[in-house]
Amino acid sequence: MKDLVYLSRSFVEFGPFTKKEIIDFQKRGLIADTDYLRDEGSDNWLHCQEWLTIVPMPAPKLVKKPAAKEAPAKAPAAKKAKKAA
């Protein structure tokens, strides 16, 4: 499987992880600037920032928001009672 990735931190290898998991780790701040990544079946380790720039990012999911509800019409302001003189 080419979709699996290994992470190296301080010369210790972790994984395999899916590319989606690695991207999620990066979004959550779990990828350190000193980490290296390699695709399964490859012997080439890439710096995490380089790896993240060449991996195709998944398209963001568009979430349709429900139409805003109209605010109920306000009741007309009550007329102040005239004071009798």
N, C-alpha and C. Protein backbone atom coordinates (compact mmCIF):
# COMPACT_ATOMS: atom_id res chain seq x y z
N MET A 1 0.85 -1.20 0.00
CA MET A 1 0.00 0.00 0.00
C MET A 1 0.88 1.24 0.00
N LYS A 2 0.66 2.12 -0.93
CA LYS A 2 1.44 3.34 -1.03
C LYS A 2 0.84 4.47 -0.19
N ASP A 3 -0.32 4.25 0.38
CA ASP A 3 -0.96 5.31 1.15
C ASP A 3 -0.51 5.34 2.61
N LEU A 4 0.45 4.51 2.96
CA LEU A 4 0.92 4.49 4.34
C LEU A 4 2.22 5.27 4.46
N VAL A 5 2.40 5.90 5.63
CA VAL A 5 3.52 6.80 5.86
C VAL A 5 4.16 6.45 7.20
N TYR A 6 5.48 6.56 7.25
CA TYR A 6 6.22 6.37 8.50
C TYR A 6 6.77 7.71 8.93
N LEU A 7 6.81 7.93 10.24
CA LEU A 7 7.30 9.17 10.82
C LEU A 7 8.56 8.85 11.62
N SER A 8 9.58 9.69 11.47
CA SER A 8 10.80 9.53 12.24
C SER A 8 10.99 10.76 13.12
N ARG A 9 11.12 10.49 14.42
CA ARG A 9 11.35 11.57 15.39
C ARG A 9 12.50 11.12 16.29
N SER A 10 13.55 11.92 16.32
CA SER A 10 14.73 11.61 17.14
C SER A 10 15.26 10.21 16.84
N PHE A 11 15.31 9.87 15.56
CA PHE A 11 15.84 8.60 15.07
C PHE A 11 15.02 7.38 15.49
N VAL A 12 13.77 7.62 15.89
CA VAL A 12 12.85 6.52 16.21
C VAL A 12 11.74 6.56 15.18
N GLU A 13 11.46 5.40 14.57
CA GLU A 13 10.45 5.33 13.51
C GLU A 13 9.11 4.92 14.10
N PHE A 14 8.06 5.63 13.68
CA PHE A 14 6.70 5.34 14.13
C PHE A 14 5.84 5.09 12.90
N GLY A 15 4.82 4.26 13.07
CA GLY A 15 3.89 4.04 11.98
C GLY A 15 3.71 2.56 11.72
N PRO A 16 2.99 2.27 10.70
CA PRO A 16 2.57 3.17 9.64
C PRO A 16 1.30 3.93 10.00
N PHE A 17 1.17 5.10 9.37
CA PHE A 17 -0.01 5.94 9.48
C PHE A 17 -0.55 6.17 8.07
N THR A 18 -1.82 6.49 7.98
CA THR A 18 -2.36 6.88 6.69
C THR A 18 -1.97 8.33 6.43
N LYS A 19 -1.99 8.73 5.18
CA LYS A 19 -1.67 10.13 4.85
C LYS A 19 -2.67 11.07 5.51
N LYS A 20 -3.91 10.63 5.59
CA LYS A 20 -4.94 11.45 6.24
C LYS A 20 -4.61 11.66 7.72
N GLU A 21 -4.10 10.63 8.38
CA GLU A 21 -3.72 10.76 9.79
C GLU A 21 -2.56 11.74 9.95
N ILE A 22 -1.58 11.67 9.06
CA ILE A 22 -0.43 12.57 9.15
C ILE A 22 -0.89 14.02 8.96
N ILE A 23 -1.76 14.24 8.01
CA ILE A 23 -2.28 15.60 7.78
C ILE A 23 -3.06 16.07 9.00
N ASP A 24 -3.82 15.16 9.61
CA ASP A 24 -4.56 15.50 10.83
C ASP A 24 -3.59 15.82 11.97
N PHE A 25 -2.51 15.04 12.10
CA PHE A 25 -1.50 15.32 13.13
C PHE A 25 -0.92 16.72 12.94
N GLN A 26 -0.66 17.07 11.68
CA GLN A 26 -0.08 18.39 11.38
C GLN A 26 -1.06 19.50 11.76
N LYS A 27 -2.32 19.32 11.44
CA LYS A 27 -3.35 20.32 11.77
C LYS A 27 -3.48 20.49 13.28
N ARG A 28 -3.28 19.41 14.02
CA ARG A 28 -3.42 19.45 15.48
C ARG A 28 -2.13 19.85 16.17
N GLY A 29 -1.07 20.10 15.39
CA GLY A 29 0.19 20.54 15.97
C GLY A 29 1.03 19.42 16.54
N LEU A 30 0.80 18.19 16.12
CA LEU A 30 1.53 17.05 16.65
C LEU A 30 2.79 16.72 15.86
N ILE A 31 2.95 17.32 14.68
CA ILE A 31 4.15 17.10 13.88
C ILE A 31 5.17 18.16 14.29
N ALA A 32 6.34 17.71 14.74
CA ALA A 32 7.40 18.64 15.15
C ALA A 32 8.19 19.08 13.92
N ASP A 33 8.80 20.25 14.01
CA ASP A 33 9.59 20.78 12.90
C ASP A 33 10.81 19.91 12.60
N THR A 34 11.17 19.05 13.52
CA THR A 34 12.34 18.19 13.33
C THR A 34 11.97 16.80 12.84
N ASP A 35 10.69 16.55 12.56
CA ASP A 35 10.23 15.23 12.11
C ASP A 35 10.51 15.01 10.63
N TYR A 36 10.68 13.74 10.27
CA TYR A 36 10.84 13.33 8.89
C TYR A 36 9.80 12.28 8.57
N LEU A 37 9.39 12.23 7.31
CA LEU A 37 8.36 11.30 6.87
C LEU A 37 8.84 10.57 5.61
N ARG A 38 8.37 9.34 5.46
CA ARG A 38 8.64 8.60 4.23
C ARG A 38 7.41 7.76 3.90
N ASP A 39 7.17 7.61 2.61
CA ASP A 39 6.08 6.77 2.16
C ASP A 39 6.51 5.32 2.26
N GLU A 40 5.55 4.44 2.50
CA GLU A 40 5.85 3.01 2.59
C GLU A 40 6.45 2.55 1.26
N GLY A 41 7.49 1.75 1.34
CA GLY A 41 8.16 1.25 0.14
C GLY A 41 9.27 2.15 -0.35
N SER A 42 9.44 3.32 0.26
CA SER A 42 10.49 4.25 -0.12
C SER A 42 11.55 4.29 0.99
N ASP A 43 12.78 4.51 0.57
CA ASP A 43 13.87 4.67 1.55
C ASP A 43 14.22 6.13 1.76
N ASN A 44 13.53 7.03 1.05
CA ASN A 44 13.84 8.47 1.10
C ASN A 44 13.01 9.15 2.19
N TRP A 45 13.71 9.65 3.19
CA TRP A 45 13.06 10.42 4.24
C TRP A 45 13.01 11.87 3.80
N LEU A 46 11.85 12.49 3.95
CA LEU A 46 11.67 13.91 3.61
C LEU A 46 11.37 14.69 4.89
N HIS A 47 11.90 15.89 4.96
CA HIS A 47 11.56 16.77 6.09
C HIS A 47 10.04 16.95 6.07
N CYS A 48 9.44 17.03 7.23
CA CYS A 48 7.98 17.08 7.32
C CYS A 48 7.37 18.20 6.47
N GLN A 49 7.99 19.38 6.46
CA GLN A 49 7.44 20.49 5.68
C GLN A 49 7.52 20.20 4.18
N GLU A 50 8.59 19.56 3.74
CA GLU A 50 8.72 19.21 2.33
C GLU A 50 7.68 18.16 1.97
N TRP A 51 7.52 17.15 2.82
CA TRP A 51 6.55 16.09 2.56
C TRP A 51 5.14 16.67 2.47
N LEU A 52 4.81 17.59 3.39
CA LEU A 52 3.46 18.16 3.40
C LEU A 52 3.18 19.03 2.18
N THR A 53 4.23 19.60 1.56
CA THR A 53 4.00 20.43 0.38
C THR A 53 3.78 19.60 -0.88
N ILE A 54 4.27 18.36 -0.90
CA ILE A 54 4.10 17.55 -2.11
C ILE A 54 2.93 16.59 -2.03
N VAL A 55 2.37 16.41 -0.85
CA VAL A 55 1.22 15.51 -0.70
C VAL A 55 -0.03 16.28 -1.09
N PRO A 56 -0.83 15.70 -1.98
CA PRO A 56 -2.08 16.41 -2.34
C PRO A 56 -3.00 16.49 -1.14
N MET A 57 -3.42 17.70 -0.85
CA MET A 57 -4.32 17.92 0.29
C MET A 57 -5.74 17.58 -0.14
N PRO A 58 -6.50 16.92 0.74
CA PRO A 58 -7.88 16.62 0.40
C PRO A 58 -8.70 17.90 0.30
N ALA A 59 -9.64 17.90 -0.62
CA ALA A 59 -10.50 19.08 -0.78
C ALA A 59 -11.34 19.25 0.47
N PRO A 60 -11.50 20.49 0.93
CA PRO A 60 -12.31 20.71 2.14
C PRO A 60 -13.76 20.35 1.87
N LYS A 61 -14.39 19.78 2.86
CA LYS A 61 -15.80 19.44 2.73
C LYS A 61 -16.62 20.70 2.92
N LEU A 62 -17.52 20.93 1.98
CA LEU A 62 -18.38 22.09 2.09
C LEU A 62 -19.63 21.69 2.84
N VAL A 63 -19.92 22.42 3.88
CA VAL A 63 -21.09 22.15 4.69
C VAL A 63 -22.10 23.24 4.42
N LYS A 64 -23.27 22.79 3.99
CA LYS A 64 -24.33 23.78 3.73
C LYS A 64 -24.95 24.18 5.05
N LYS A 65 -24.96 25.47 5.27
CA LYS A 65 -25.60 25.97 6.48
C LYS A 65 -27.07 26.21 6.17
N PRO A 66 -27.93 25.92 7.12
CA PRO A 66 -29.35 26.19 6.88
C PRO A 66 -29.56 27.69 6.74
N ALA A 67 -30.55 28.04 5.96
CA ALA A 67 -30.86 29.45 5.75
C ALA A 67 -31.19 30.10 7.09
N ALA A 68 -30.75 31.32 7.23
CA ALA A 68 -31.01 32.05 8.47
C ALA A 68 -32.50 32.31 8.60
N LYS A 69 -32.99 32.13 9.80
CA LYS A 69 -34.40 32.40 10.06
C LYS A 69 -34.59 33.90 10.20
N GLU A 70 -35.71 34.35 9.67
CA GLU A 70 -35.99 35.78 9.81
C GLU A 70 -36.43 36.05 11.24
N ALA A 71 -35.98 37.17 11.74
CA ALA A 71 -36.37 37.57 13.09
C ALA A 71 -37.86 37.92 13.08
N PRO A 72 -38.55 37.56 14.13
CA PRO A 72 -39.98 37.90 14.18
C PRO A 72 -40.15 39.42 14.17
N ALA A 73 -41.21 39.86 13.52
CA ALA A 73 -41.47 41.30 13.44
C ALA A 73 -41.71 41.83 14.85
N LYS A 74 -41.11 42.97 15.11
CA LYS A 74 -41.27 43.57 16.43
C LYS A 74 -42.63 44.25 16.51
N ALA A 75 -43.22 44.18 17.68
CA ALA A 75 -44.50 44.85 17.91
C ALA A 75 -44.25 46.35 17.88
N PRO A 76 -45.20 47.12 17.36
CA PRO A 76 -44.99 48.57 17.34
C PRO A 76 -44.78 49.10 18.76
N ALA A 77 -43.96 50.09 18.85
CA ALA A 77 -43.65 50.67 20.16
C ALA A 77 -44.95 51.20 20.78
N ALA A 78 -45.10 50.92 22.05
CA ALA A 78 -46.32 51.37 22.75
C ALA A 78 -46.29 52.89 22.85
N LYS A 79 -47.39 53.49 22.56
CA LYS A 79 -47.46 54.95 22.62
C LYS A 79 -47.52 55.34 24.09
N LYS A 80 -46.74 56.36 24.37
CA LYS A 80 -46.72 56.83 25.74
C LYS A 80 -48.04 57.55 26.04
N ALA A 81 -48.53 57.25 27.19
CA ALA A 81 -49.79 57.88 27.58
C ALA A 81 -49.53 59.36 27.84
N LYS A 82 -50.43 60.18 27.30
CA LYS A 82 -50.26 61.61 27.50
C LYS A 82 -50.69 61.92 28.93
N LYS A 83 -49.85 62.73 29.55
CA LYS A 83 -50.19 63.13 30.90
C LYS A 83 -51.24 64.23 30.86
N ALA A 84 -52.20 64.10 31.70
CA ALA A 84 -53.24 65.13 31.77
C ALA A 84 -52.67 66.33 32.51
N ALA A 85 -52.92 67.49 31.95
CA ALA A 85 -52.38 68.70 32.55
C ALA A 85 -53.27 69.23 33.62
